PDB file of N, CA and C in Angstrom:
ATOM      1  N   MET A   1     115.852 140.801  75.255  1.00  0.00           N
ATOM      2  CA  MET A   1     116.169 139.273  74.994  1.00  0.00           C
ATOM      3  C   MET A   1     114.743 138.996  74.826  1.00  0.00           C
ATOM      4  N   GLU A   2     114.468 137.707  74.307  1.00  0.00           N
ATOM      5  CA  GLU A   2     113.046 137.220  73.285  1.00  0.00           C
ATOM      6  C   GLU A   2     112.341 136.534  74.866  1.00  0.00           C
ATOM      7  N   THR A   3     111.493 136.691  74.758  1.00  0.00           N
ATOM      8  CA  THR A   3     110.295 135.859  75.843  1.00  0.00           C
ATOM      9  C   THR A   3     109.192 134.908  74.876  1.00  0.00           C
ATOM     10  N   ILE A   4     108.843 134.355  75.397  1.00  0.00           N
ATOM     11  CA  ILE A   4     107.844 133.293  74.655  1.00  0.00           C
ATOM     12  C   ILE A   4     106.975 133.358  75.638  1.00  0.00           C
ATOM     13  N   PHE A   5     105.774 133.255  75.227  1.00  0.00           N
ATOM     14  CA  PHE A   5     104.441 132.925  76.150  1.00  0.00           C
ATOM     15  C   PHE A   5     103.681 131.988  75.871  1.00  0.00           C
ATOM     16  N   LEU A   6     103.758 131.072  76.780  1.00  0.00           N
ATOM     17  CA  LEU A   6     103.070 129.712  75.986  1.00  0.00           C
ATOM     18  C   LEU A   6     101.604 129.105  77.425  1.00  0.00           C
ATOM     19  N   ASP A   7     100.464 128.848  76.996  1.00  0.00           N
ATOM     20  CA  ASP A   7      99.570 128.541  77.305  1.00  0.00           C
ATOM     21  C   ASP A   7      99.339 127.268  76.750  1.00  0.00           C
ATOM     22  N   ALA A   8      99.760 126.261  77.770  1.00  0.00           N
ATOM     23  CA  ALA A   8      99.768 124.888  77.069  1.00  0.00           C
ATOM     24  C   ALA A   8      98.048 124.359  77.515  1.00  0.00           C
ATOM     25  N   ASP A   9      97.196 124.786  77.653  1.00  0.00           N
ATOM     26  CA  ASP A   9      95.598 124.501  77.630  1.00  0.00           C
ATOM     27  C   ASP A   9      95.261 124.672  76.327  1.00  0.00           C
ATOM     28  N   LEU A  10      96.240 125.623  75.723  1.00  0.00           N
ATOM     29  CA  LEU A  10      95.170 125.255  74.126  1.00  0.00           C
ATOM     30  C   LEU A  10      95.489 124.396  73.432  1.00  0.00           C
ATOM     31  N   TYR A  11      96.531 123.436  73.654  1.00  0.00           N
ATOM     32  CA  TYR A  11      97.100 122.307  73.137  1.00  0.00           C
ATOM     33  C   TYR A  11      96.601 120.762  73.676  1.00  0.00           C
ATOM     34  N   ASP A  12      95.755 120.174  72.326  1.00  0.00           N
ATOM     35  CA  ASP A  12      95.125 118.804  72.914  1.00  0.00           C
ATOM     36  C   ASP A  12      96.278 117.761  72.983  1.00  0.00           C
ATOM     37  N   SER A  13      97.231 117.871  72.550  1.00  0.00           N
ATOM     38  CA  SER A  13      98.652 117.081  72.576  1.00  0.00           C
ATOM     39  C   SER A  13      99.908 117.453  72.773  1.00  0.00           C
ATOM     40  N   LYS A  14     100.789 116.560  72.832  1.00  0.00           N
ATOM     41  CA  LYS A  14     102.231 117.091  73.070  1.00  0.00           C
ATOM     42  C   LYS A  14     102.446 117.354  71.900  1.00  0.00           C
ATOM     43  N   ALA A  15     102.450 116.806  70.617  1.00  0.00           N
ATOM     44  CA  ALA A  15     102.909 117.003  69.645  1.00  0.00           C
ATOM     45  C   ALA A  15     102.462 118.336  68.891  1.00  0.00           C
ATOM     46  N   ALA A  16     101.311 118.567  69.302  1.00  0.00           N
ATOM     47  CA  ALA A  16     100.729 120.347  68.970  1.00  0.00           C
ATOM     48  C   ALA A  16     101.365 120.956  69.873  1.00  0.00           C
ATOM     49  N   LEU A  17     101.939 120.605  71.092  1.00  0.00           N
ATOM     50  CA  LEU A  17     102.515 121.606  71.723  1.00  0.00           C
ATOM     51  C   LEU A  17     103.884 122.132  71.208  1.00  0.00           C
ATOM     52  N   TYR A  18     104.606 120.797  70.459  1.00  0.00           N
ATOM     53  CA  TYR A  18     105.993 121.010  70.316  1.00  0.00           C
ATOM     54  C   TYR A  18     105.743 122.045  68.818  1.00  0.00           C
ATOM     55  N   GLN A  19     104.834 121.651  67.855  1.00  0.00           N
ATOM     56  CA  GLN A  19     104.231 122.160  66.966  1.00  0.00           C
ATOM     57  C   GLN A  19     104.306 124.030  67.255  1.00  0.00           C
ATOM     58  N   ALA A  20     103.663 124.280  67.972  1.00  0.00           N
ATOM     59  CA  ALA A  20     103.503 125.409  68.580  1.00  0.00           C
ATOM     60  C   ALA A  20     104.909 126.142  69.027  1.00  0.00           C
ATOM     61  N   LEU A  21     105.659 125.247  69.817  1.00  0.00           N
ATOM     62  CA  LEU A  21     106.921 125.781  70.050  1.00  0.00           C
ATOM     63  C   LEU A  21     107.734 126.132  69.123  1.00  0.00           C
ATOM     64  N   ARG A  22     107.774 125.351  67.863  1.00  0.00           N
ATOM     65  CA  ARG A  22     108.804 125.659  66.799  1.00  0.00           C
ATOM     66  C   ARG A  22     108.133 126.483  66.150  1.00  0.00           C
ATOM     67  N   ARG A  23     107.040 127.109  66.280  1.00  0.00           N
ATOM     68  CA  ARG A  23     106.411 128.218  65.635  1.00  0.00           C
ATOM     69  C   ARG A  23     106.889 129.607  66.134  1.00  0.00           C
ATOM     70  N   LEU A  24     106.399 129.547  67.480  1.00  0.00           N
ATOM     71  CA  LEU A  24     107.015 130.580  68.612  1.00  0.00           C
ATOM     72  C   LEU A  24     108.663 130.855  68.284  1.00  0.00           C
ATOM     73  N   LEU A  25     109.265 130.287  68.220  1.00  0.00           N
ATOM     74  CA  LEU A  25     110.734 130.117  68.370  1.00  0.00           C
ATOM     75  C   LEU A  25     111.312 130.198  67.485  1.00  0.00           C
ATOM     76  N   ASN A  26     110.445 130.292  66.293  1.00  0.00           N
ATOM     77  CA  ASN A  26     110.953 130.408  64.588  1.00  0.00           C
ATOM     78  C   ASN A  26     111.821 129.505  64.117  1.00  0.00           C
ATOM     79  N   LEU A  27     111.804 128.180  65.205  1.00  0.00           N
ATOM     80  CA  LEU A  27     112.707 127.002  64.030  1.00  0.00           C
ATOM     81  C   LEU A  27     112.292 126.347  62.701  1.00  0.00           C
ATOM     82  N   ASP A  28     113.246 126.365  61.884  1.00  0.00           N
ATOM     83  CA  ASP A  28     113.038 125.657  60.863  1.00  0.00           C
ATOM     84  C   ASP A  28     112.802 124.386  60.704  1.00  0.00           C
ATOM     85  N   GLU A  29     111.879 123.880  59.595  1.00  0.00           N
ATOM     86  CA  GLU A  29     111.740 122.581  59.632  1.00  0.00           C
ATOM     87  C   GLU A  29     113.393 121.761  59.085  1.00  0.00           C
ATOM     88  N   PRO A  30     113.343 120.504  59.137  1.00  0.00           N
ATOM     89  CA  PRO A  30     112.609 119.867  60.546  1.00  0.00           C
ATOM     90  C   PRO A  30     113.188 119.805  61.824  1.00  0.00           C
ATOM     91  N   PHE A  31     112.246 119.494  62.451  1.00  0.00           N
ATOM     92  CA  PHE A  31     112.421 119.636  63.847  1.00  0.00           C
ATOM     93  C   PHE A  31     111.627 118.375  64.636  1.00  0.00           C
ATOM     94  N   GLY A  32     112.253 117.667  65.146  1.00  0.00           N
ATOM     95  CA  GLY A  32     111.943 116.546  66.236  1.00  0.00           C
ATOM     96  C   GLY A  32     110.697 116.855  67.454  1.00  0.00           C
ATOM     97  N   LEU A  33     109.532 116.389  67.258  1.00  0.00           N
ATOM     98  CA  LEU A  33     108.405 116.984  68.336  1.00  0.00           C
ATOM     99  C   LEU A  33     108.811 116.234  69.445  1.00  0.00           C
ATOM    100  N   ASN A  34     110.360 116.487  70.099  1.00  0.00           N
ATOM    101  CA  ASN A  34     110.462 116.153  71.386  1.00  0.00           C
ATOM    102  C   ASN A  34     111.252 117.152  72.274  1.00  0.00           C
ATOM    103  N   ALA A  35     111.717 116.596  73.394  1.00  0.00           N
ATOM    104  CA  ALA A  35     112.281 117.617  74.118  1.00  0.00           C
ATOM    105  C   ALA A  35     113.992 117.442  73.993  1.00  0.00           C
ATOM    106  N   ASP A  36     114.288 116.137  73.531  1.00  0.00           N
ATOM    107  CA  ASP A  36     115.818 116.575  72.741  1.00  0.00           C
ATOM    108  C   ASP A  36     115.861 117.074  71.443  1.00  0.00           C
ATOM    109  N   ALA A  37     115.073 117.365  70.716  1.00  0.00           N
ATOM    110  CA  ALA A  37     115.062 118.061  69.171  1.00  0.00           C
ATOM    111  C   ALA A  37     114.868 119.586  69.902  1.00  0.00           C
ATOM    112  N   LEU A  38     114.210 120.026  70.884  1.00  0.00           N
ATOM    113  CA  LEU A  38     114.169 121.400  71.164  1.00  0.00           C
ATOM    114  C   LEU A  38     115.359 121.741  71.833  1.00  0.00           C
ATOM    115  N   HIS A  39     115.997 120.861  72.766  1.00  0.00           N
ATOM    116  CA  HIS A  39     117.395 121.007  73.541  1.00  0.00           C
ATOM    117  C   HIS A  39     118.295 121.637  72.270  1.00  0.00           C
ATOM    118  N   ASP A  40     118.377 120.372  71.349  1.00  0.00           N
ATOM    119  CA  ASP A  40     119.604 120.879  70.220  1.00  0.00           C
ATOM    120  C   ASP A  40     119.304 122.135  69.636  1.00  0.00           C
ATOM    121  N   ARG A  41     118.053 122.472  69.413  1.00  0.00           N
ATOM    122  CA  ARG A  41     117.729 123.400  68.546  1.00  0.00           C
ATOM    123  C   ARG A  41     117.966 124.831  69.263  1.00  0.00           C
ATOM    124  N   LEU A  42     117.678 124.728  70.671  1.00  0.00           N
ATOM    125  CA  LEU A  42     117.862 126.355  71.481  1.00  0.00           C
ATOM    126  C   LEU A  42     119.216 126.309  71.948  1.00  0.00           C
ATOM    127  N   SER A  43     120.042 124.979  72.020  1.00  0.00           N
ATOM    128  CA  SER A  43     121.416 125.014  72.149  1.00  0.00           C
ATOM    129  C   SER A  43     122.174 125.924  70.981  1.00  0.00           C
ATOM    130  N   GLU A  44     121.196 126.054  69.913  1.00  0.00           N
ATOM    131  CA  GLU A  44     122.578 126.684  68.610  1.00  0.00           C
ATOM    132  C   GLU A  44     122.162 128.332  68.968  1.00  0.00           C
ATOM    133  N   LYS A  45     120.976 128.611  69.641  1.00  0.00           N
ATOM    134  CA  LYS A  45     120.518 129.747  69.986  1.00  0.00           C
ATOM    135  C   LYS A  45     122.030 130.668  70.403  1.00  0.00           C
ATOM    136  N   ALA A  46     122.223 132.139  70.160  1.00  0.00           N
ATOM    137  CA  ALA A  46     123.221 132.531  70.892  1.00  0.00           C
ATOM    138  C   ALA A  46     122.614 133.326  72.342  1.00  0.00           C
ATOM    139  N   LYS A  47     121.279 133.317  72.455  1.00  0.00           N
ATOM    140  CA  LYS A  47     120.570 133.687  73.442  1.00  0.00           C
ATOM    141  C   LYS A  47     119.282 133.001  73.817  1.00  0.00           C
ATOM    142  N   ILE A  48     119.176 132.155  74.660  1.00  0.00           N
ATOM    143  CA  ILE A  48     118.496 131.487  75.012  1.00  0.00           C
ATOM    144  C   ILE A  48     117.078 132.478  75.454  1.00  0.00           C
ATOM    145  N   PRO A  49     116.038 132.304  74.724  1.00  0.00           N
ATOM    146  CA  PRO A  49     114.587 133.049  75.291  1.00  0.00           C
ATOM    147  C   PRO A  49     114.155 132.691  76.722  1.00  0.00           C
ATOM    148  N   SER A  50     113.672 133.735  77.425  1.00  0.00           N
ATOM    149  CA  SER A  50     112.718 133.699  78.450  1.00  0.00           C
ATOM    150  C   SER A  50     111.424 132.869  78.218  1.00  0.00           C
ATOM    151  N   LEU A  51     110.735 131.916  79.198  1.00  0.00           N
ATOM    152  CA  LEU A  51     109.805 131.477  79.010  1.00  0.00           C
ATOM    153  C   LEU A  51     108.597 131.561  80.088  1.00  0.00           C
ATOM    154  N   VAL A  52     107.590 132.387  79.547  1.00  0.00           N
ATOM    155  CA  VAL A  52     106.533 132.425  80.602  1.00  0.00           C
ATOM    156  C   VAL A  52     105.558 131.410  80.518  1.00  0.00           C
ATOM    157  N   VAL A  53     105.067 130.962  81.124  1.00  0.00           N
ATOM    158  CA  VAL A  53     103.920 129.632  81.025  1.00  0.00           C
ATOM    159  C   VAL A  53     102.682 129.685  81.804  1.00  0.00           C
ATOM    160  N   TYR A  54     101.666 130.435  81.211  1.00  0.00           N
ATOM    161  CA  TYR A  54     100.606 130.536  81.919  1.00  0.00           C
ATOM    162  C   TYR A  54      99.521 129.913  82.388  1.00  0.00           C
ATOM    163  N   SER A  55      99.746 128.359  81.984  1.00  0.00           N
ATOM    164  CA  SER A  55      98.843 127.165  81.881  1.00  0.00           C
ATOM    165  C   SER A  55     100.050 125.918  81.615  1.00  0.00           C
ATOM    166  N   MET A  56     100.050 125.017  82.314  1.00  0.00           N
ATOM    167  CA  MET A  56     100.841 123.884  82.053  1.00  0.00           C
ATOM    168  C   MET A  56      99.750 122.857  81.393  1.00  0.00           C
ATOM    169  N   GLY A  57      98.760 123.092  81.334  1.00  0.00           N
ATOM    170  CA  GLY A  57      97.852 121.821  80.645  1.00  0.00           C
ATOM    171  C   GLY A  57      97.842 120.812  81.586  1.00  0.00           C
ATOM    172  N   ARG A  58      96.887 119.653  80.535  1.00  0.00           N
ATOM    173  CA  ARG A  58      96.541 118.444  81.519  1.00  0.00           C
ATOM    174  C   ARG A  58      97.212 117.302  80.653  1.00  0.00           C
ATOM    175  N   GLY A  59      97.161 116.070  81.324  1.00  0.00           N
ATOM    176  CA  GLY A  59      97.903 114.650  80.770  1.00  0.00           C
ATOM    177  C   GLY A  59      99.120 115.148  80.409  1.00  0.00           C
ATOM    178  N   GLU A  60      99.108 114.460  78.891  1.00  0.00           N
ATOM    179  CA  GLU A  60     100.509 114.085  78.658  1.00  0.00           C
ATOM    180  C   GLU A  60     101.160 115.777  77.898  1.00  0.00           C
ATOM    181  N   VAL A  61     100.122 116.636  78.052  1.00  0.00           N
ATOM    182  CA  VAL A  61     100.481 118.090  77.552  1.00  0.00           C
ATOM    183  C   VAL A  61     101.182 118.392  78.936  1.00  0.00           C
ATOM    184  N   GLN A  62     100.915 118.411  80.038  1.00  0.00           N
ATOM    185  CA  GLN A  62     101.102 119.061  81.224  1.00  0.00           C
ATOM    186  C   GLN A  62     102.701 118.377  81.513  1.00  0.00           C
ATOM    187  N   LYS A  63     103.058 116.937  80.956  1.00  0.00           N
ATOM    188  CA  LYS A  63     104.398 116.387  81.244  1.00  0.00           C
ATOM    189  C   LYS A  63     105.075 116.951  80.639  1.00  0.00           C
ATOM    190  N   ALA A  64     104.775 117.078  78.894  1.00  0.00           N
ATOM    191  CA  ALA A  64     105.524 117.660  78.177  1.00  0.00           C
ATOM    192  C   ALA A  64     105.788 119.163  78.400  1.00  0.00           C
ATOM    193  N   THR A  65     105.241 120.045  79.113  1.00  0.00           N
ATOM    194  CA  THR A  65     105.262 121.517  79.390  1.00  0.00           C
ATOM    195  C   THR A  65     106.383 121.575  80.279  1.00  0.00           C
ATOM    196  N   GLU A  66     106.284 120.440  81.468  1.00  0.00           N
ATOM    197  CA  GLU A  66     107.499 120.373  82.334  1.00  0.00           C
ATOM    198  C   GLU A  66     108.643 120.141  81.753  1.00  0.00           C
ATOM    199  N   THR A  67     108.607 119.166  80.877  1.00  0.00           N
ATOM    200  CA  THR A  67     109.940 118.695  80.342  1.00  0.00           C
ATOM    201  C   THR A  67     110.458 119.982  79.684  1.00  0.00           C
ATOM    202  N   VAL A  68     109.584 120.453  78.793  1.00  0.00           N
ATOM    203  CA  VAL A  68     110.050 122.242  78.242  1.00  0.00           C
ATOM    204  C   VAL A  68     110.660 122.898  79.162  1.00  0.00           C
ATOM    205  N   CYS A  69     110.127 123.412  80.135  1.00  0.00           N
ATOM    206  CA  CYS A  69     110.336 124.379  81.050  1.00  0.00           C
ATOM    207  C   CYS A  69     112.155 123.725  81.655  1.00  0.00           C
ATOM    208  N   THR A  70     112.039 122.324  81.951  1.00  0.00           N
ATOM    209  CA  THR A  70     113.283 121.637  82.358  1.00  0.00           C
ATOM    210  C   THR A  70     114.440 122.122  81.463  1.00  0.00           C
ATOM    211  N   VAL A  71     114.104 122.097  80.259  1.00  0.00           N
ATOM    212  CA  VAL A  71     115.183 122.511  79.051  1.00  0.00           C
ATOM    213  C   VAL A  71     115.787 123.343  79.018  1.00  0.00           C
ATOM    214  N   PHE A  72     114.568 124.538  79.071  1.00  0.00           N
ATOM    215  CA  PHE A  72     114.782 125.826  79.240  1.00  0.00           C
ATOM    216  C   PHE A  72     115.757 126.337  80.346  1.00  0.00           C
ATOM    217  N   GLU A  73     115.521 125.696  81.307  1.00  0.00           N
ATOM    218  CA  GLU A  73     116.335 126.107  82.489  1.00  0.00           C
ATOM    219  C   GLU A  73     117.789 125.288  82.154  1.00  0.00           C
ATOM    220  N   ASP A  74     117.882 124.191  81.829  1.00  0.00           N
ATOM    221  CA  ASP A  74     118.902 123.600  82.068  1.00  0.00           C
ATOM    222  C   ASP A  74     119.920 124.670  80.790  1.00  0.00           C
ATOM    223  N   LEU A  75     119.399 124.990  79.666  1.00  0.00           N
ATOM    224  CA  LEU A  75     120.265 125.917  79.039  1.00  0.00           C
ATOM    225  C   LEU A  75     120.637 127.297  79.479  1.00  0.00           C
ATOM    226  N   GLY A  76     119.780 127.462  80.912  1.00  0.00           N
ATOM    227  CA  GLY A  76     120.227 129.144  81.219  1.00  0.00           C
ATOM    228  C   GLY A  76     119.002 129.936  81.100  1.00  0.00           C
ATOM    229  N   GLY A  77     117.801 129.461  80.482  1.00  0.00           N
ATOM    230  CA  GLY A  77     116.947 130.498  80.167  1.00  0.00           C
ATOM    231  C   GLY A  77     115.907 130.541  81.357  1.00  0.00           C
ATOM    232  N   LYS A  78     115.364 131.653  81.719  1.00  0.00           N
ATOM    233  CA  LYS A  78     114.225 132.187  82.630  1.00  0.00           C
ATOM    234  C   LYS A  78     112.966 131.555  82.102  1.00  0.00           C
ATOM    235  N   VAL A  79     112.425 130.771  83.204  1.00  0.00           N
ATOM    236  CA  VAL A  79     110.932 129.897  83.358  1.00  0.00           C
ATOM    237  C   VAL A  79     110.229 130.830  84.557  1.00  0.00           C
ATOM    238  N   THR A  80     109.398 131.348  84.001  1.00  0.00           N
ATOM    239  CA  THR A  80     107.910 132.112  84.819  1.00  0.00           C
ATOM    240  C   THR A  80     106.951 131.070  84.705  1.00  0.00           C
ATOM    241  N   ARG A  81     106.561 130.684  85.902  1.00  0.00           N
ATOM    242  CA  ARG A  81     105.177 129.476  85.690  1.00  0.00           C
ATOM    243  C   ARG A  81     104.344 130.646  86.650  1.00  0.00           C
ATOM    244  N   ARG A  82     102.975 130.915  85.816  1.00  0.00           N
ATOM    245  CA  ARG A  82     101.857 131.634  86.115  1.00  0.00           C
ATOM    246  C   ARG A  82     100.924 131.044  86.991  1.00  0.00           C
TER     247      ARG A  82
END
């Protein structure tokens, strides 16, 4: 099973976080930089990857990271927060 590792402290905006997720998940363009687009694209995958979050970030990035974790969990993915 694929595992995605995320350190949200590396990103200074919600858009940067979603751009990083697009790269980490090998999602083709176009990809809306929001939770709905992430949900739609992940639901197309045969298996939802696991997500390991080393840091949640701050401010809008933290809120976006929390939402990303919820999207993964709602689709049956395993989320580990460290």
